[in-house]
């Protein structure tokens, strides 16, 4: 199944860096504004995204939109 994202989506990721473990992060496909299409994520990815978002400032840093190079 092909997923259709808004313009620019799939070229960007919303990246949550761990506050405690250098190099550990969670990243999710998003558009250039950082909007993640929750309905397009797998159940596990959606759960991980909601968790990362809930623990910003305690376990993960504020997320950043990064350009994905493929």
N, C-alpha and C. Protein backbone atom coordinates (compact mmCIF):
# COMPACT_ATOMS: atom_id res chain seq x y z
N UNK A 1 0.83 -1.18 0.00
CA UNK A 1 0.00 0.00 0.00
C UNK A 1 0.88 1.25 0.00
N UNK A 2 0.67 2.14 -0.93
CA UNK A 2 1.39 3.40 -0.96
C UNK A 2 0.73 4.39 -0.04
N UNK A 3 1.55 5.08 0.75
CA UNK A 3 1.03 6.11 1.65
C UNK A 3 1.25 7.46 0.98
N UNK A 4 0.20 8.26 0.92
CA UNK A 4 0.30 9.58 0.34
C UNK A 4 0.37 10.60 1.46
N UNK A 5 1.49 11.28 1.56
CA UNK A 5 1.69 12.32 2.55
C UNK A 5 1.51 13.68 1.88
N UNK A 6 1.23 14.70 2.69
CA UNK A 6 1.20 16.04 2.12
C UNK A 6 2.56 16.41 1.54
N UNK A 7 2.59 17.46 0.73
CA UNK A 7 3.83 17.90 0.09
C UNK A 7 4.97 17.98 1.12
N UNK A 8 6.07 17.35 0.83
CA UNK A 8 7.23 17.40 1.70
C UNK A 8 7.29 16.29 2.74
N UNK A 9 6.18 15.66 3.01
CA UNK A 9 6.18 14.59 4.01
C UNK A 9 6.94 13.40 3.46
N UNK A 10 7.57 12.67 4.34
CA UNK A 10 8.37 11.53 3.92
C UNK A 10 9.81 11.95 3.65
N UNK A 11 10.01 13.23 3.45
CA UNK A 11 11.35 13.77 3.28
C UNK A 11 11.87 14.30 4.62
N UNK A 12 10.98 14.37 5.60
CA UNK A 12 11.31 14.92 6.91
C UNK A 12 10.94 13.92 7.99
N UNK A 13 11.58 14.08 9.13
CA UNK A 13 11.26 13.25 10.29
C UNK A 13 11.22 14.13 11.53
N UNK A 14 10.32 13.83 12.42
CA UNK A 14 10.26 14.47 13.72
C UNK A 14 11.10 13.60 14.64
N UNK A 15 12.21 14.15 15.13
CA UNK A 15 13.20 13.35 15.86
C UNK A 15 13.23 13.76 17.33
N UNK A 16 13.04 12.77 18.20
CA UNK A 16 13.11 12.95 19.65
C UNK A 16 14.43 12.36 20.12
N UNK A 17 15.36 13.17 20.59
CA UNK A 17 16.66 12.70 21.11
C UNK A 17 16.54 12.38 22.59
N UNK A 18 17.14 11.28 23.01
CA UNK A 18 17.16 10.90 24.42
C UNK A 18 17.96 11.93 25.21
N UNK A 19 17.48 12.25 26.41
CA UNK A 19 18.21 13.16 27.30
C UNK A 19 19.33 12.44 28.04
N UNK A 20 19.29 11.10 28.06
CA UNK A 20 20.22 10.35 28.89
C UNK A 20 21.17 9.43 28.12
N UNK A 21 20.77 8.97 26.95
CA UNK A 21 21.60 8.04 26.19
C UNK A 21 21.95 8.67 24.85
N UNK A 22 23.19 9.11 24.73
CA UNK A 22 23.64 9.75 23.50
C UNK A 22 23.47 8.81 22.31
N UNK A 23 22.90 9.31 21.23
CA UNK A 23 22.69 8.53 20.03
C UNK A 23 21.36 7.79 20.00
N UNK A 24 20.67 7.75 21.12
CA UNK A 24 19.35 7.09 21.15
C UNK A 24 18.28 8.12 20.82
N UNK A 25 17.41 7.75 19.91
CA UNK A 25 16.35 8.68 19.50
C UNK A 25 15.20 7.89 18.90
N UNK A 26 14.07 8.56 18.78
CA UNK A 26 12.93 8.04 18.04
C UNK A 26 12.61 9.06 16.97
N UNK A 27 12.32 8.59 15.76
CA UNK A 27 12.01 9.49 14.65
C UNK A 27 10.78 8.97 13.91
N UNK A 28 9.96 9.92 13.48
CA UNK A 28 8.69 9.58 12.83
C UNK A 28 8.53 10.45 11.58
N UNK A 29 8.04 9.87 10.49
CA UNK A 29 7.86 10.66 9.26
C UNK A 29 6.87 11.81 9.51
N UNK A 30 7.19 12.96 8.94
CA UNK A 30 6.33 14.13 9.11
C UNK A 30 6.46 15.03 7.89
N UNK A 31 5.68 16.10 7.89
CA UNK A 31 5.83 17.10 6.83
C UNK A 31 6.85 18.15 7.30
N UNK A 32 7.12 19.15 6.46
CA UNK A 32 8.15 20.13 6.79
C UNK A 32 7.80 20.97 8.01
N UNK A 33 6.54 20.94 8.44
CA UNK A 33 6.12 21.68 9.63
C UNK A 33 6.18 20.83 10.89
N UNK A 34 6.48 19.55 10.75
CA UNK A 34 6.56 18.65 11.90
C UNK A 34 5.27 17.93 12.23
N UNK A 35 4.29 17.99 11.34
CA UNK A 35 3.03 17.30 11.57
C UNK A 35 3.16 15.82 11.21
N UNK A 36 2.91 14.97 12.19
CA UNK A 36 2.96 13.51 12.00
C UNK A 36 1.54 13.04 11.70
N UNK A 37 1.39 12.23 10.66
CA UNK A 37 0.08 11.69 10.31
C UNK A 37 -0.12 10.39 11.09
N UNK A 38 -0.77 10.51 12.24
CA UNK A 38 -0.94 9.37 13.15
C UNK A 38 -1.65 8.20 12.50
N UNK A 39 -2.62 8.46 11.65
CA UNK A 39 -3.37 7.39 11.02
C UNK A 39 -2.53 6.55 10.07
N UNK A 40 -1.41 7.09 9.64
CA UNK A 40 -0.53 6.38 8.70
C UNK A 40 0.54 5.56 9.40
N UNK A 41 0.67 5.71 10.72
CA UNK A 41 1.67 4.97 11.47
C UNK A 41 1.14 3.60 11.87
N UNK A 42 2.04 2.65 12.03
CA UNK A 42 1.64 1.35 12.57
C UNK A 42 1.22 1.55 14.02
N UNK A 43 0.56 0.56 14.58
CA UNK A 43 0.13 0.65 15.98
C UNK A 43 1.33 0.87 16.90
N UNK A 44 2.40 0.14 16.66
CA UNK A 44 3.61 0.26 17.50
C UNK A 44 4.24 1.63 17.35
N UNK A 45 4.36 2.12 16.12
CA UNK A 45 4.95 3.44 15.89
C UNK A 45 4.09 4.52 16.53
N UNK A 46 2.78 4.39 16.42
CA UNK A 46 1.87 5.38 17.02
C UNK A 46 2.05 5.39 18.54
N UNK A 47 2.14 4.22 19.13
CA UNK A 47 2.34 4.11 20.58
C UNK A 47 3.68 4.74 20.99
N UNK A 48 4.73 4.47 20.23
CA UNK A 48 6.04 5.05 20.51
C UNK A 48 6.02 6.57 20.37
N UNK A 49 5.34 7.06 19.34
CA UNK A 49 5.24 8.51 19.12
C UNK A 49 4.51 9.17 20.30
N UNK A 50 3.38 8.62 20.70
CA UNK A 50 2.62 9.20 21.81
C UNK A 50 3.41 9.14 23.11
N UNK A 51 4.17 8.07 23.31
CA UNK A 51 5.02 7.97 24.50
C UNK A 51 6.11 9.04 24.47
N UNK A 52 6.83 9.14 23.36
CA UNK A 52 7.92 10.12 23.26
C UNK A 52 7.38 11.53 23.49
N UNK A 53 6.25 11.83 22.93
CA UNK A 53 5.64 13.15 23.08
C UNK A 53 5.27 13.41 24.55
N UNK A 54 4.81 12.37 25.24
CA UNK A 54 4.38 12.52 26.63
C UNK A 54 5.55 12.74 27.60
N UNK A 55 6.74 12.26 27.24
CA UNK A 55 7.87 12.36 28.16
C UNK A 55 8.92 13.37 27.72
N UNK A 56 8.53 14.30 26.84
CA UNK A 56 9.44 15.38 26.45
C UNK A 56 9.79 16.18 27.71
N UNK A 57 11.08 16.41 27.88
CA UNK A 57 11.56 17.14 29.05
C UNK A 57 11.93 16.25 30.21
N UNK A 58 11.47 15.00 30.19
CA UNK A 58 11.81 14.05 31.24
C UNK A 58 12.70 12.94 30.72
N UNK A 59 12.42 12.47 29.51
CA UNK A 59 13.20 11.38 28.92
C UNK A 59 13.75 11.74 27.54
N UNK A 60 13.00 12.56 26.81
CA UNK A 60 13.43 13.00 25.47
C UNK A 60 13.43 14.51 25.40
N UNK A 61 14.33 15.03 24.57
CA UNK A 61 14.39 16.48 24.33
C UNK A 61 13.24 16.91 23.44
N UNK A 62 12.98 18.20 23.41
CA UNK A 62 11.98 18.73 22.50
C UNK A 62 12.31 18.26 21.10
N UNK A 63 11.34 17.73 20.38
CA UNK A 63 11.64 17.17 19.05
C UNK A 63 12.03 18.24 18.04
N UNK A 64 12.78 17.80 17.05
CA UNK A 64 13.20 18.69 15.96
C UNK A 64 12.83 18.05 14.63
N UNK A 65 12.46 18.87 13.68
CA UNK A 65 12.20 18.41 12.33
C UNK A 65 13.55 18.34 11.62
N UNK A 66 13.87 17.17 11.10
CA UNK A 66 15.13 16.98 10.39
C UNK A 66 14.85 16.48 8.98
N UNK A 67 15.70 16.85 8.06
CA UNK A 67 15.59 16.40 6.67
C UNK A 67 16.14 14.99 6.59
N UNK A 68 15.38 14.09 5.99
CA UNK A 68 15.85 12.72 5.79
C UNK A 68 16.48 12.60 4.42
N UNK A 69 17.66 12.05 4.37
CA UNK A 69 18.34 11.83 3.10
C UNK A 69 18.22 10.36 2.75
N UNK A 70 17.74 10.10 1.55
CA UNK A 70 17.55 8.71 1.12
C UNK A 70 18.43 8.40 -0.04
